[in-house]
């Protein structure tokens, strides 16, 4: 990974952490974006929805240039609060559970409601 990509990734990870801190949710970047598997964690950002003494939600953060590759997702989401993406099973593999995609406003509303 080049320096520019690494710097962009770190910047977006910090943005995700700061968005959570603004709504009083503890979040922290995993050192080196999980590349070192710090404390057994290979993800990007830990989000402590249930407080610092409970296991965090392990999250990946991706920064994608423009909407290339995501246009179908954003078009499918439209004005809805949540989009469930269920991909077809690959031959010889079991079907996977759907992915859940939502705008920040929906996530923030759900997190605040649970507090």
PDB file of N, CA and C in Angstrom:
ATOM      1  N   UNK A   1       0.857  -1.172   0.000  1.00  0.00           N
ATOM      2  CA  UNK A   1       0.000   0.000   0.000  1.00  0.00           C
ATOM      3  C   UNK A   1       0.902   1.233   0.000  1.00  0.00           C
ATOM      4  N   UNK A   2       0.578   2.199  -0.845  1.00  0.00           N
ATOM      5  CA  UNK A   2       1.348   3.429  -0.912  1.00  0.00           C
ATOM      6  C   UNK A   2       1.027   4.364   0.235  1.00  0.00           C
ATOM      7  N   UNK A   3       1.921   5.336   0.416  1.00  0.00           N
ATOM      8  CA  UNK A   3       1.767   6.279   1.512  1.00  0.00           C
ATOM      9  C   UNK A   3       0.461   7.063   1.414  1.00  0.00           C
ATOM     10  N   UNK A   4       0.099   7.500   0.204  1.00  0.00           N
ATOM     11  CA  UNK A   4      -1.139   8.270   0.047  1.00  0.00           C
ATOM     12  C   UNK A   4      -2.366   7.460   0.434  1.00  0.00           C
ATOM     13  N   UNK A   5      -2.409   6.202   0.022  1.00  0.00           N
ATOM     14  CA  UNK A   5      -3.538   5.329   0.385  1.00  0.00           C
ATOM     15  C   UNK A   5      -3.580   5.083   1.886  1.00  0.00           C
ATOM     16  N   UNK A   6      -2.412   4.843   2.466  1.00  0.00           N
ATOM     17  CA  UNK A   6      -2.335   4.599   3.907  1.00  0.00           C
ATOM     18  C   UNK A   6      -2.793   5.827   4.686  1.00  0.00           C
ATOM     19  N   UNK A   7      -2.325   7.011   4.246  1.00  0.00           N
ATOM     20  CA  UNK A   7      -2.711   8.255   4.921  1.00  0.00           C
ATOM     21  C   UNK A   7      -4.210   8.517   4.793  1.00  0.00           C
ATOM     22  N   UNK A   8      -4.764   8.253   3.603  1.00  0.00           N
ATOM     23  CA  UNK A   8      -6.209   8.430   3.395  1.00  0.00           C
ATOM     24  C   UNK A   8      -6.993   7.492   4.305  1.00  0.00           C
ATOM     25  N   UNK A   9      -6.566   6.229   4.378  1.00  0.00           N
ATOM     26  CA  UNK A   9      -7.239   5.266   5.243  1.00  0.00           C
ATOM     27  C   UNK A   9      -7.215   5.696   6.697  1.00  0.00           C
ATOM     28  N   UNK A  10      -6.046   6.141   7.171  1.00  0.00           N
ATOM     29  CA  UNK A  10      -5.919   6.581   8.564  1.00  0.00           C
ATOM     30  C   UNK A  10      -6.797   7.796   8.826  1.00  0.00           C
ATOM     31  N   UNK A  11      -6.873   8.698   7.861  1.00  0.00           N
ATOM     32  CA  UNK A  11      -7.691   9.902   8.008  1.00  0.00           C
ATOM     33  C   UNK A  11      -9.174   9.531   8.140  1.00  0.00           C
ATOM     34  N   UNK A  12      -9.640   8.606   7.316  1.00  0.00           N
ATOM     35  CA  UNK A  12     -11.046   8.196   7.366  1.00  0.00           C
ATOM     36  C   UNK A  12     -11.328   7.422   8.656  1.00  0.00           C
ATOM     37  N   UNK A  13     -10.387   6.610   9.104  1.00  0.00           N
ATOM     38  CA  UNK A  13     -10.550   5.899  10.380  1.00  0.00           C
ATOM     39  C   UNK A  13     -10.676   6.894  11.527  1.00  0.00           C
ATOM     40  N   UNK A  14      -9.837   7.934  11.532  1.00  0.00           N
ATOM     41  CA  UNK A  14      -9.937   8.961  12.580  1.00  0.00           C
ATOM     42  C   UNK A  14     -11.293   9.672  12.509  1.00  0.00           C
ATOM     43  N   UNK A  15     -11.781   9.901  11.301  1.00  0.00           N
ATOM     44  CA  UNK A  15     -13.090  10.532  11.134  1.00  0.00           C
ATOM     45  C   UNK A  15     -14.191   9.677  11.768  1.00  0.00           C
ATOM     46  N   UNK A  16     -14.156   8.364  11.540  1.00  0.00           N
ATOM     47  CA  UNK A  16     -15.148   7.449  12.121  1.00  0.00           C
ATOM     48  C   UNK A  16     -15.058   7.477  13.650  1.00  0.00           C
ATOM     49  N   UNK A  17     -13.843   7.462  14.176  1.00  0.00           N
ATOM     50  CA  UNK A  17     -13.656   7.539  15.628  1.00  0.00           C
ATOM     51  C   UNK A  17     -14.249   8.837  16.161  1.00  0.00           C
ATOM     52  N   UNK A  18     -13.937   9.951  15.515  1.00  0.00           N
ATOM     53  CA  UNK A  18     -14.424  11.249  15.989  1.00  0.00           C
ATOM     54  C   UNK A  18     -15.938  11.384  15.893  1.00  0.00           C
ATOM     55  N   UNK A  19     -16.555  10.827  14.853  1.00  0.00           N
ATOM     56  CA  UNK A  19     -18.017  10.848  14.753  1.00  0.00           C
ATOM     57  C   UNK A  19     -18.649  10.136  15.944  1.00  0.00           C
ATOM     58  N   UNK A  20     -18.069   9.014  16.348  1.00  0.00           N
ATOM     59  CA  UNK A  20     -18.604   8.285  17.499  1.00  0.00           C
ATOM     60  C   UNK A  20     -18.376   9.050  18.796  1.00  0.00           C
ATOM     61  N   UNK A  21     -17.219   9.652  18.928  1.00  0.00           N
ATOM     62  CA  UNK A  21     -16.938  10.417  20.150  1.00  0.00           C
ATOM     63  C   UNK A  21     -17.891  11.596  20.294  1.00  0.00           C
ATOM     64  N   UNK A  22     -18.293  12.199  19.166  1.00  0.00           N
ATOM     65  CA  UNK A  22     -19.240  13.322  19.220  1.00  0.00           C
ATOM     66  C   UNK A  22     -20.591  12.907  19.792  1.00  0.00           C
ATOM     67  N   UNK A  23     -20.942  11.631  19.674  1.00  0.00           N
ATOM     68  CA  UNK A  23     -22.212  11.160  20.236  1.00  0.00           C
ATOM     69  C   UNK A  23     -21.961  10.320  21.506  1.00  0.00           C
ATOM     70  N   UNK A  24     -20.797  10.570  22.127  1.00  0.00           N
ATOM     71  CA  UNK A  24     -20.426   9.955  23.416  1.00  0.00           C
ATOM     72  C   UNK A  24     -20.311   8.440  23.369  1.00  0.00           C
ATOM     73  N   UNK A  25     -19.824   7.917  22.250  1.00  0.00           N
ATOM     74  CA  UNK A  25     -19.526   6.492  22.131  1.00  0.00           C
ATOM     75  C   UNK A  25     -18.011   6.363  22.037  1.00  0.00           C
ATOM     76  N   UNK A  26     -17.430   5.581  22.924  1.00  0.00           N
ATOM     77  CA  UNK A  26     -15.979   5.389  22.875  1.00  0.00           C
ATOM     78  C   UNK A  26     -15.617   4.577  21.630  1.00  0.00           C
ATOM     79  N   UNK A  27     -14.630   5.065  20.905  1.00  0.00           N
ATOM     80  CA  UNK A  27     -14.126   4.374  19.725  1.00  0.00           C
ATOM     81  C   UNK A  27     -12.640   4.665  19.625  1.00  0.00           C
ATOM     82  N   UNK A  28     -11.909   3.711  19.066  1.00  0.00           N
ATOM     83  CA  UNK A  28     -10.471   3.929  18.896  1.00  0.00           C
ATOM     84  C   UNK A  28      -9.960   3.166  17.683  1.00  0.00           C
ATOM     85  N   UNK A  29      -8.966   3.776  17.039  1.00  0.00           N
ATOM     86  CA  UNK A  29      -8.314   3.112  15.911  1.00  0.00           C
ATOM     87  C   UNK A  29      -7.467   1.974  16.448  1.00  0.00           C
ATOM     88  N   UNK A  30      -7.454   0.881  15.728  1.00  0.00           N
ATOM     89  CA  UNK A  30      -6.560  -0.225  16.050  1.00  0.00           C
ATOM     90  C   UNK A  30      -5.196   0.152  15.486  1.00  0.00           C
ATOM     91  N   UNK A  31      -4.121   0.016  16.258  1.00  0.00           N
ATOM     92  CA  UNK A  31      -2.800   0.396  15.753  1.00  0.00           C
ATOM     93  C   UNK A  31      -2.493  -0.254  14.407  1.00  0.00           C
ATOM     94  N   UNK A  32      -1.973   0.559  13.494  1.00  0.00           N
ATOM     95  CA  UNK A  32      -1.594   0.127  12.150  1.00  0.00           C
ATOM     96  C   UNK A  32      -2.764  -0.514  11.403  1.00  0.00           C
ATOM     97  N   UNK A  33      -3.960   0.001  11.658  1.00  0.00           N
ATOM     98  CA  UNK A  33      -5.175  -0.506  11.002  1.00  0.00           C
ATOM     99  C   UNK A  33      -5.294  -2.018  11.108  1.00  0.00           C
ATOM    100  N   UNK A  34      -4.924  -2.543  12.234  1.00  0.00           N
ATOM    101  CA  UNK A  34      -5.075  -3.974  12.465  1.00  0.00           C
ATOM    102  C   UNK A  34      -4.002  -4.825  11.833  1.00  0.00           C
ATOM    103  N   UNK A  35      -3.049  -4.209  11.152  1.00  0.00           N
ATOM    104  CA  UNK A  35      -2.001  -4.963  10.463  1.00  0.00           C
ATOM    105  C   UNK A  35      -1.129  -5.780  11.400  1.00  0.00           C
ATOM    106  N   UNK A  36      -1.053  -5.368  12.660  1.00  0.00           N
ATOM    107  CA  UNK A  36      -0.246  -6.101  13.631  1.00  0.00           C
ATOM    108  C   UNK A  36      -1.081  -7.083  14.441  1.00  0.00           C
ATOM    109  N   UNK A  37      -2.390  -7.106  14.201  1.00  0.00           N
ATOM    110  CA  UNK A  37      -3.325  -7.931  14.987  1.00  0.00           C
ATOM    111  C   UNK A  37      -3.166  -7.629  16.475  1.00  0.00           C
ATOM    112  N   UNK A  38      -3.143  -6.329  16.783  1.00  0.00           N
ATOM    113  CA  UNK A  38      -3.043  -5.825  18.147  1.00  0.00           C
ATOM    114  C   UNK A  38      -4.141  -6.459  18.994  1.00  0.00           C
ATOM    115  N   UNK A  39      -3.776  -7.079  20.092  1.00  0.00           N
ATOM    116  CA  UNK A  39      -4.701  -7.772  20.994  1.00  0.00           C
ATOM    117  C   UNK A  39      -5.597  -8.748  20.238  1.00  0.00           C
ATOM    118  N   UNK A  40      -5.031  -9.376  19.194  1.00  0.00           N
ATOM    119  CA  UNK A  40      -5.767 -10.362  18.419  1.00  0.00           C
ATOM    120  C   UNK A  40      -6.760  -9.765  17.443  1.00  0.00           C
ATOM    121  N   UNK A  41      -6.697  -8.462  17.230  1.00  0.00           N
ATOM    122  CA  UNK A  41      -7.681  -7.760  16.424  1.00  0.00           C
ATOM    123  C   UNK A  41      -7.044  -7.291  15.124  1.00  0.00           C
ATOM    124  N   UNK A  42      -7.554  -7.766  13.988  1.00  0.00           N
ATOM    125  CA  UNK A  42      -7.050  -7.354  12.694  1.00  0.00           C
ATOM    126  C   UNK A  42      -7.952  -6.358  11.995  1.00  0.00           C
ATOM    127  N   UNK A  43      -8.843  -5.701  12.726  1.00  0.00           N
ATOM    128  CA  UNK A  43      -9.776  -4.763  12.117  1.00  0.00           C
ATOM    129  C   UNK A  43      -9.238  -3.338  12.227  1.00  0.00           C
ATOM    130  N   UNK A  44     -10.052  -2.341  11.840  1.00  0.00           N
ATOM    131  CA  UNK A  44      -9.593  -0.952  11.769  1.00  0.00           C
ATOM    132  C   UNK A  44      -9.962  -0.107  12.982  1.00  0.00           C
ATOM    133  N   UNK A  45     -11.231  -0.193  13.412  1.00  0.00           N
ATOM    134  CA  UNK A  45     -11.722   0.656  14.499  1.00  0.00           C
ATOM    135  C   UNK A  45     -12.538  -0.198  15.464  1.00  0.00           C
ATOM    136  N   UNK A  46     -12.263  -0.035  16.754  1.00  0.00           N
ATOM    137  CA  UNK A  46     -13.059  -0.686  17.801  1.00  0.00           C
ATOM    138  C   UNK A  46     -14.081   0.325  18.307  1.00  0.00           C
ATOM    139  N   UNK A  47     -15.346  -0.091  18.378  1.00  0.00           N
ATOM    140  CA  UNK A  47     -16.418   0.775  18.863  1.00  0.00           C
ATOM    141  C   UNK A  47     -17.020   0.121  20.099  1.00  0.00           C
ATOM    142  N   UNK A  48     -16.974   0.826  21.221  1.00  0.00           N
ATOM    143  CA  UNK A  48     -17.416   0.294  22.508  1.00  0.00           C
ATOM    144  C   UNK A  48     -18.849   0.741  22.797  1.00  0.00           C
ATOM    145  N   UNK A  49     -19.805   0.069  22.170  1.00  0.00           N
ATOM    146  CA  UNK A  49     -21.211   0.436  22.354  1.00  0.00           C
ATOM    147  C   UNK A  49     -21.680   0.198  23.780  1.00  0.00           C
ATOM    148  N   UNK A  50     -21.137  -0.819  24.432  1.00  0.00           N
ATOM    149  CA  UNK A  50     -21.582  -1.188  25.782  1.00  0.00           C
ATOM    150  C   UNK A  50     -20.608  -0.739  26.858  1.00  0.00           C
ATOM    151  N   UNK A  51     -19.746   0.212  26.536  1.00  0.00           N
ATOM    152  CA  UNK A  51     -18.793   0.728  27.507  1.00  0.00           C
ATOM    153  C   UNK A  51     -17.420   0.091  27.356  1.00  0.00           C
ATOM    154  N   UNK A  52     -16.415   0.705  27.977  1.00  0.00           N
ATOM    155  CA  UNK A  52     -15.030   0.283  27.790  1.00  0.00           C
ATOM    156  C   UNK A  52     -14.683  -1.073  28.410  1.00  0.00           C
ATOM    157  N   UNK A  53     -15.516  -1.564  29.303  1.00  0.00           N
ATOM    158  CA  UNK A  53     -15.226  -2.846  29.955  1.00  0.00           C
ATOM    159  C   UNK A  53     -15.826  -4.036  29.219  1.00  0.00           C
ATOM    160  N   UNK A  54     -16.572  -3.785  28.151  1.00  0.00           N
ATOM    161  CA  UNK A  54     -17.207  -4.848  27.379  1.00  0.00           C
ATOM    162  C   UNK A  54     -16.495  -4.995  26.043  1.00  0.00           C
ATOM    163  N   UNK A  55     -16.671  -6.120  25.411  1.00  0.00           N
ATOM    164  CA  UNK A  55     -16.036  -6.368  24.118  1.00  0.00           C
ATOM    165  C   UNK A  55     -16.510  -5.339  23.089  1.00  0.00           C
ATOM    166  N   UNK A  56     -15.578  -4.802  22.304  1.00  0.00           N
ATOM    167  CA  UNK A  56     -15.976  -3.806  21.313  1.00  0.00           C
ATOM    168  C   UNK A  56     -16.575  -4.432  20.066  1.00  0.00           C
ATOM    169  N   UNK A  57     -17.260  -3.597  19.305  1.00  0.00           N
ATOM    170  CA  UNK A  57     -17.705  -3.958  17.973  1.00  0.00           C
ATOM    171  C   UNK A  57     -16.494  -3.750  17.066  1.00  0.00           C
ATOM    172  N   UNK A  58     -16.040  -4.795  16.392  1.00  0.00           N
ATOM    173  CA  UNK A  58     -14.867  -4.717  15.531  1.00  0.00           C
ATOM    174  C   UNK A  58     -15.307  -4.297  14.142  1.00  0.00           C
ATOM    175  N   UNK A  59     -14.745  -3.224  13.628  1.00  0.00           N
ATOM    176  CA  UNK A  59     -15.227  -2.683  12.363  1.00  0.00           C
ATOM    177  C   UNK A  59     -14.112  -2.492  11.348  1.00  0.00           C
ATOM    178  N   UNK A  60     -14.485  -2.576  10.098  1.00  0.00           N
ATOM    179  CA  UNK A  60     -13.625  -2.236   8.969  1.00  0.00           C
ATOM    180  C   UNK A  60     -14.060  -0.881   8.451  1.00  0.00           C
ATOM    181  N   UNK A  61     -13.117  -0.096   7.986  1.00  0.00           N
ATOM    182  CA  UNK A  61     -13.406   1.208   7.401  1.00  0.00           C
ATOM    183  C   UNK A  61     -12.794   1.216   6.012  1.00  0.00           C
ATOM    184  N   UNK A  62     -13.579   1.536   5.012  1.00  0.00           N
ATOM    185  CA  UNK A  62     -13.095   1.604   3.637  1.00  0.00           C
ATOM    186  C   UNK A  62     -13.389   2.981   3.077  1.00  0.00           C
ATOM    187  N   UNK A  63     -12.398   3.577   2.445  1.00  0.00           N
ATOM    188  CA  UNK A  63     -12.560   4.847   1.749  1.00  0.00           C
ATOM    189  C   UNK A  63     -12.483   4.544   0.266  1.00  0.00           C
ATOM    190  N   UNK A  64     -13.557   4.834  -0.447  1.00  0.00           N
ATOM    191  CA  UNK A  64     -13.640   4.494  -1.864  1.00  0.00           C
ATOM    192  C   UNK A  64     -13.731   5.785  -2.659  1.00  0.00           C
ATOM    193  N   UNK A  65     -12.901   5.889  -3.677  1.00  0.00           N
ATOM    194  CA  UNK A  65     -12.884   7.085  -4.516  1.00  0.00           C
ATOM    195  C   UNK A  65     -14.220   7.238  -5.241  1.00  0.00           C
ATOM    196  N   UNK A  66     -14.856   8.374  -5.041  1.00  0.00           N
ATOM    197  CA  UNK A  66     -16.123   8.647  -5.708  1.00  0.00           C
ATOM    198  C   UNK A  66     -17.168   7.603  -5.374  1.00  0.00           C
ATOM    199  N   UNK A  67     -18.033   7.327  -6.325  1.00  0.00           N
ATOM    200  CA  UNK A  67     -19.055   6.302  -6.133  1.00  0.00           C
ATOM    201  C   UNK A  67     -18.794   5.111  -7.028  1.00  0.00           C
ATOM    202  N   UNK A  68     -17.611   5.061  -7.612  1.00  0.00           N
ATOM    203  CA  UNK A  68     -17.289   3.938  -8.488  1.00  0.00           C
ATOM    204  C   UNK A  68     -17.381   2.643  -7.681  1.00  0.00           C
ATOM    205  N   UNK A  69     -18.185   1.732  -8.117  1.00  0.00           N
ATOM    206  CA  UNK A  69     -18.340   0.474  -7.402  1.00  0.00           C
ATOM    207  C   UNK A  69     -19.394   0.512  -6.314  1.00  0.00           C
ATOM    208  N   UNK A  70     -19.790   1.687  -5.890  1.00  0.00           N
ATOM    209  CA  UNK A  70     -20.795   1.782  -4.828  1.00  0.00           C
ATOM    210  C   UNK A  70     -22.093   2.383  -5.337  1.00  0.00           C
ATOM    211  N   UNK A  71     -22.124   2.820  -6.567  1.00  0.00           N
ATOM    212  CA  UNK A  71     -23.309   3.475  -7.102  1.00  0.00           C
ATOM    213  C   UNK A  71     -24.547   2.591  -6.978  1.00  0.00           C
ATOM    214  N   UNK A  72     -24.414   1.299  -7.262  1.00  0.00           N
ATOM    215  CA  UNK A  72     -25.543   0.393  -7.127  1.00  0.00           C
ATOM    216  C   UNK A  72     -26.039   0.306  -5.702  1.00  0.00           C
ATOM    217  N   UNK A  73     -25.128   0.368  -4.744  1.00  0.00           N
ATOM    218  CA  UNK A  73     -25.514   0.308  -3.333  1.00  0.00           C
ATOM    219  C   UNK A  73     -26.253   1.584  -2.942  1.00  0.00           C
ATOM    220  N   UNK A  74     -25.687   2.736  -3.275  1.00  0.00           N
ATOM    221  CA  UNK A  74     -26.342   3.984  -2.891  1.00  0.00           C
ATOM    222  C   UNK A  74     -27.666   4.158  -3.628  1.00  0.00           C
ATOM    223  N   UNK A  75     -27.726   3.732  -4.890  1.00  0.00           N
ATOM    224  CA  UNK A  75     -28.998   3.801  -5.618  1.00  0.00           C
ATOM    225  C   UNK A  75     -30.030   2.870  -4.985  1.00  0.00           C
ATOM    226  N   UNK A  76     -29.604   1.673  -4.584  1.00  0.00           N
ATOM    227  CA  UNK A  76     -30.528   0.721  -3.966  1.00  0.00           C
ATOM    228  C   UNK A  76     -31.024   1.215  -2.616  1.00  0.00           C
ATOM    229  N   UNK A  77     -30.157   1.856  -1.854  1.00  0.00           N
ATOM    230  CA  UNK A  77     -30.548   2.398  -0.554  1.00  0.00           C
ATOM    231  C   UNK A  77     -31.589   3.494  -0.733  1.00  0.00           C
ATOM    232  N   UNK A  78     -31.388   4.357  -1.723  1.00  0.00           N
ATOM    233  CA  UNK A  78     -32.340   5.438  -1.974  1.00  0.00           C
ATOM    234  C   UNK A  78     -32.604   6.240  -0.721  1.00  0.00           C
ATOM    235  N   UNK A  79     -33.875   6.402  -0.358  1.00  0.00           N
ATOM    236  CA  UNK A  79     -34.261   7.154   0.838  1.00  0.00           C
ATOM    237  C   UNK A  79     -34.528   6.244   2.031  1.00  0.00           C
ATOM    238  N   UNK A  80     -34.251   4.961   1.875  1.00  0.00           N
ATOM    239  CA  UNK A  80     -34.508   4.009   2.963  1.00  0.00           C
ATOM    240  C   UNK A  80     -33.507   4.213   4.105  1.00  0.00           C
ATOM    241  N   UNK A  81     -33.840   3.721   5.279  1.00  0.00           N
ATOM    242  CA  UNK A  81     -32.950   3.791   6.428  1.00  0.00           C
ATOM    243  C   UNK A  81     -31.874   2.713   6.391  1.00  0.00           C
ATOM    244  N   UNK A  82     -32.219   1.543   5.852  1.00  0.00           N
ATOM    245  CA  UNK A  82     -31.305   0.399   5.890  1.00  0.00           C
ATOM    246  C   UNK A  82     -31.440  -0.372   4.580  1.00  0.00           C
ATOM    247  N   UNK A  83     -30.320  -0.903   4.111  1.00  0.00           N
ATOM    248  CA  UNK A  83     -30.294  -1.771   2.938  1.00  0.00           C
ATOM    249  C   UNK A  83     -29.703  -3.103   3.362  1.00  0.00           C
ATOM    250  N   UNK A  84     -30.383  -4.190   3.070  1.00  0.00           N
ATOM    251  CA  UNK A  84     -29.867  -5.527   3.310  1.00  0.00           C
ATOM    252  C   UNK A  84     -29.379  -6.078   1.978  1.00  0.00           C
ATOM    253  N   UNK A  85     -28.115  -6.473   1.927  1.00  0.00           N
ATOM    254  CA  UNK A  85     -27.526  -7.042   0.718  1.00  0.00           C
ATOM    255  C   UNK A  85     -27.312  -8.525   0.931  1.00  0.00           C
ATOM    256  N   UNK A  86     -27.982  -9.316   0.161  1.00  0.00           N
ATOM    257  CA  UNK A  86     -27.821 -10.771   0.256  1.00  0.00           C
ATOM    258  C   UNK A  86     -27.238 -11.258  -1.061  1.00  0.00           C
ATOM    259  N   UNK A  87     -26.039 -11.776  -0.993  1.00  0.00           N
ATOM    260  CA  UNK A  87     -25.352 -12.246  -2.187  1.00  0.00           C
ATOM    261  C   UNK A  87     -25.671 -13.718  -2.419  1.00  0.00           C
ATOM    262  N   UNK A  88     -25.760 -14.112  -3.670  1.00  0.00           N
ATOM    263  CA  UNK A  88     -26.010 -15.509  -4.011  1.00  0.00           C
ATOM    264  C   UNK A  88     -24.874 -16.381  -3.494  1.00  0.00           C
ATOM    265  N   UNK A  89     -25.221 -17.577  -3.076  1.00  0.00           N
ATOM    266  CA  UNK A  89     -24.213 -18.524  -2.593  1.00  0.00           C
ATOM    267  C   UNK A  89     -23.332 -18.953  -3.769  1.00  0.00           C
ATOM    268  N   UNK A  90     -22.074 -19.144  -3.488  1.00  0.00           N
ATOM    269  CA  UNK A  90     -21.142 -19.664  -4.487  1.00  0.00           C
ATOM    270  C   UNK A  90     -21.276 -21.186  -4.513  1.00  0.00           C
ATOM    271  N   UNK A  91     -21.025 -21.805  -5.654  1.00  0.00           N
ATOM    272  CA  UNK A  91     -21.121 -23.269  -5.730  1.00  0.00           C
ATOM    273  C   UNK A  91     -20.279 -23.945  -4.640  1.00  0.00           C
ATOM    274  N   UNK A  92     -20.909 -24.854  -3.913  1.00  0.00           N
ATOM    275  CA  UNK A  92     -20.208 -25.580  -2.853  1.00  0.00           C
ATOM    276  C   UNK A  92     -20.071 -24.816  -1.549  1.00  0.00           C
ATOM    277  N   UNK A  93     -20.592 -23.602  -1.480  1.00  0.00           N
ATOM    278  CA  UNK A  93     -20.503 -22.790  -0.270  1.00  0.00           C
ATOM    279  C   UNK A  93     -21.910 -22.521   0.267  1.00  0.00           C
ATOM    280  N   UNK A  94     -22.062 -22.437   1.591  1.00  0.00           N
ATOM    281  CA  UNK A  94     -23.386 -22.102   2.134  1.00  0.00           C
ATOM    282  C   UNK A  94     -23.706 -20.627   1.897  1.00  0.00           C
ATOM    283  N   UNK A  95     -24.977 -20.316   1.859  1.00  0.00           N
ATOM    284  CA  UNK A  95     -25.401 -18.922   1.721  1.00  0.00           C
ATOM    285  C   UNK A  95     -24.957 -18.139   2.952  1.00  0.00           C
ATOM    286  N   UNK A  96     -24.546 -16.929   2.725  1.00  0.00           N
ATOM    287  CA  UNK A  96     -24.123 -16.055   3.819  1.00  0.00           C
ATOM    288  C   UNK A  96     -25.298 -15.203   4.287  1.00  0.00           C
ATOM    289  N   UNK A  97     -25.223 -14.774   5.532  1.00  0.00           N
ATOM    290  CA  UNK A  97     -26.230 -13.839   6.039  1.00  0.00           C
ATOM    291  C   UNK A  97     -26.080 -12.515   5.290  1.00  0.00           C
ATOM    292  N   UNK A  98     -27.142 -11.747   5.196  1.00  0.00           N
ATOM    293  CA  UNK A  98     -27.053 -10.487   4.460  1.00  0.00           C
ATOM    294  C   UNK A  98     -26.122  -9.484   5.149  1.00  0.00           C
ATOM    295  N   UNK A  99     -25.573  -8.596   4.348  1.00  0.00           N
ATOM    296  CA  UNK A  99     -24.842  -7.447   4.872  1.00  0.00           C
ATOM    297  C   UNK A  99     -25.863  -6.354   5.152  1.00  0.00           C
ATOM    298  N   UNK A 100     -25.569  -5.524   6.133  1.00  0.00           N
ATOM    299  CA  UNK A 100     -26.452  -4.424   6.478  1.00  0.00           C
ATOM    300  C   UNK A 100     -25.713  -3.119   6.179  1.00  0.00           C
ATOM    301  N   UNK A 101     -26.330  -2.276   5.363  1.00  0.00           N
ATOM    302  CA  UNK A 101     -25.741  -0.994   4.989  1.00  0.00           C
ATOM    303  C   UNK A 101     -26.717   0.090   5.420  1.00  0.00           C
ATOM    304  N   UNK A 102     -26.185   1.130   6.081  1.00  0.00           N
ATOM    305  CA  UNK A 102     -27.052   2.219   6.508  1.00  0.00           C
ATOM    306  C   UNK A 102     -26.280   3.530   6.522  1.00  0.00           C
ATOM    307  N   UNK A 103     -26.983   4.635   6.315  1.00  0.00           N
ATOM    308  CA  UNK A 103     -26.331   5.937   6.415  1.00  0.00           C
ATOM    309  C   UNK A 103     -25.976   6.246   7.870  1.00  0.00           C
ATOM    310  N   UNK A 104     -25.024   7.148   8.058  1.00  0.00           N
ATOM    311  CA  UNK A 104     -24.592   7.525   9.405  1.00  0.00           C
ATOM    312  C   UNK A 104     -25.778   7.955  10.266  1.00  0.00           C
ATOM    313  N   UNK A 105     -26.715   8.717   9.721  1.00  0.00           N
ATOM    314  CA  UNK A 105     -27.839   9.222  10.512  1.00  0.00           C
ATOM    315  C   UNK A 105     -28.652   8.075  11.116  1.00  0.00           C
ATOM    316  N   UNK A 106     -28.826   7.006  10.367  1.00  0.00           N
ATOM    317  CA  UNK A 106     -29.563   5.845  10.884  1.00  0.00           C
ATOM    318  C   UNK A 106     -28.765   5.174  11.988  1.00  0.00           C
ATOM    319  N   UNK A 107     -27.472   4.979  11.761  1.00  0.00           N
ATOM    320  CA  UNK A 107     -26.604   4.359  12.775  1.00  0.00           C
ATOM    321  C   UNK A 107     -26.628   5.188  14.054  1.00  0.00           C
ATOM    322  N   UNK A 108     -26.475   6.503  13.934  1.00  0.00           N
ATOM    323  CA  UNK A 108     -26.458   7.385  15.094  1.00  0.00           C
ATOM    324  C   UNK A 108     -27.765   7.269  15.861  1.00  0.00           C
ATOM    325  N   UNK A 109     -28.887   7.253  15.151  1.00  0.00           N
ATOM    326  CA  UNK A 109     -30.206   7.138  15.807  1.00  0.00           C
ATOM    327  C   UNK A 109     -30.315   5.809  16.563  1.00  0.00           C
ATOM    328  N   UNK A 110     -29.869   4.713  15.971  1.00  0.00           N
ATOM    329  CA  UNK A 110     -29.930   3.401  16.633  1.00  0.00           C
ATOM    330  C   UNK A 110     -29.036   3.360  17.865  1.00  0.00           C
ATOM    331  N   UNK A 111     -27.836   3.906  17.748  1.00  0.00           N
ATOM    332  CA  UNK A 111     -26.898   3.888  18.868  1.00  0.00           C
ATOM    333  C   UNK A 111     -27.435   4.731  20.025  1.00  0.00           C
ATOM    334  N   UNK A 112     -27.938   5.899  19.719  1.00  0.00           N
ATOM    335  CA  UNK A 112     -28.470   6.768  20.780  1.00  0.00           C
ATOM    336  C   UNK A 112     -29.694   6.158  21.444  1.00  0.00           C
ATOM    337  N   UNK A 113     -30.517   5.447  20.676  1.00  0.00           N
ATOM    338  CA  UNK A 113     -31.710   4.828  21.220  1.00  0.00           C
ATOM    339  C   UNK A 113     -31.353   3.737  22.229  1.00  0.00           C
ATOM    340  N   UNK A 114     -30.260   3.030  21.966  1.00  0.00           N
ATOM    341  CA  UNK A 114     -29.852   1.936  22.840  1.00  0.00           C
ATOM    342  C   UNK A 114     -29.162   2.367  24.111  1.00  0.00           C
ATOM    343  N   UNK A 115     -28.928   3.619  24.288  1.00  0.00           N
ATOM    344  CA  UNK A 115     -28.197   4.120  25.471  1.00  0.00           C
ATOM    345  C   UNK A 115     -29.132   4.509  26.572  1.00  0.00           C
TER     346      UNK A 115
END
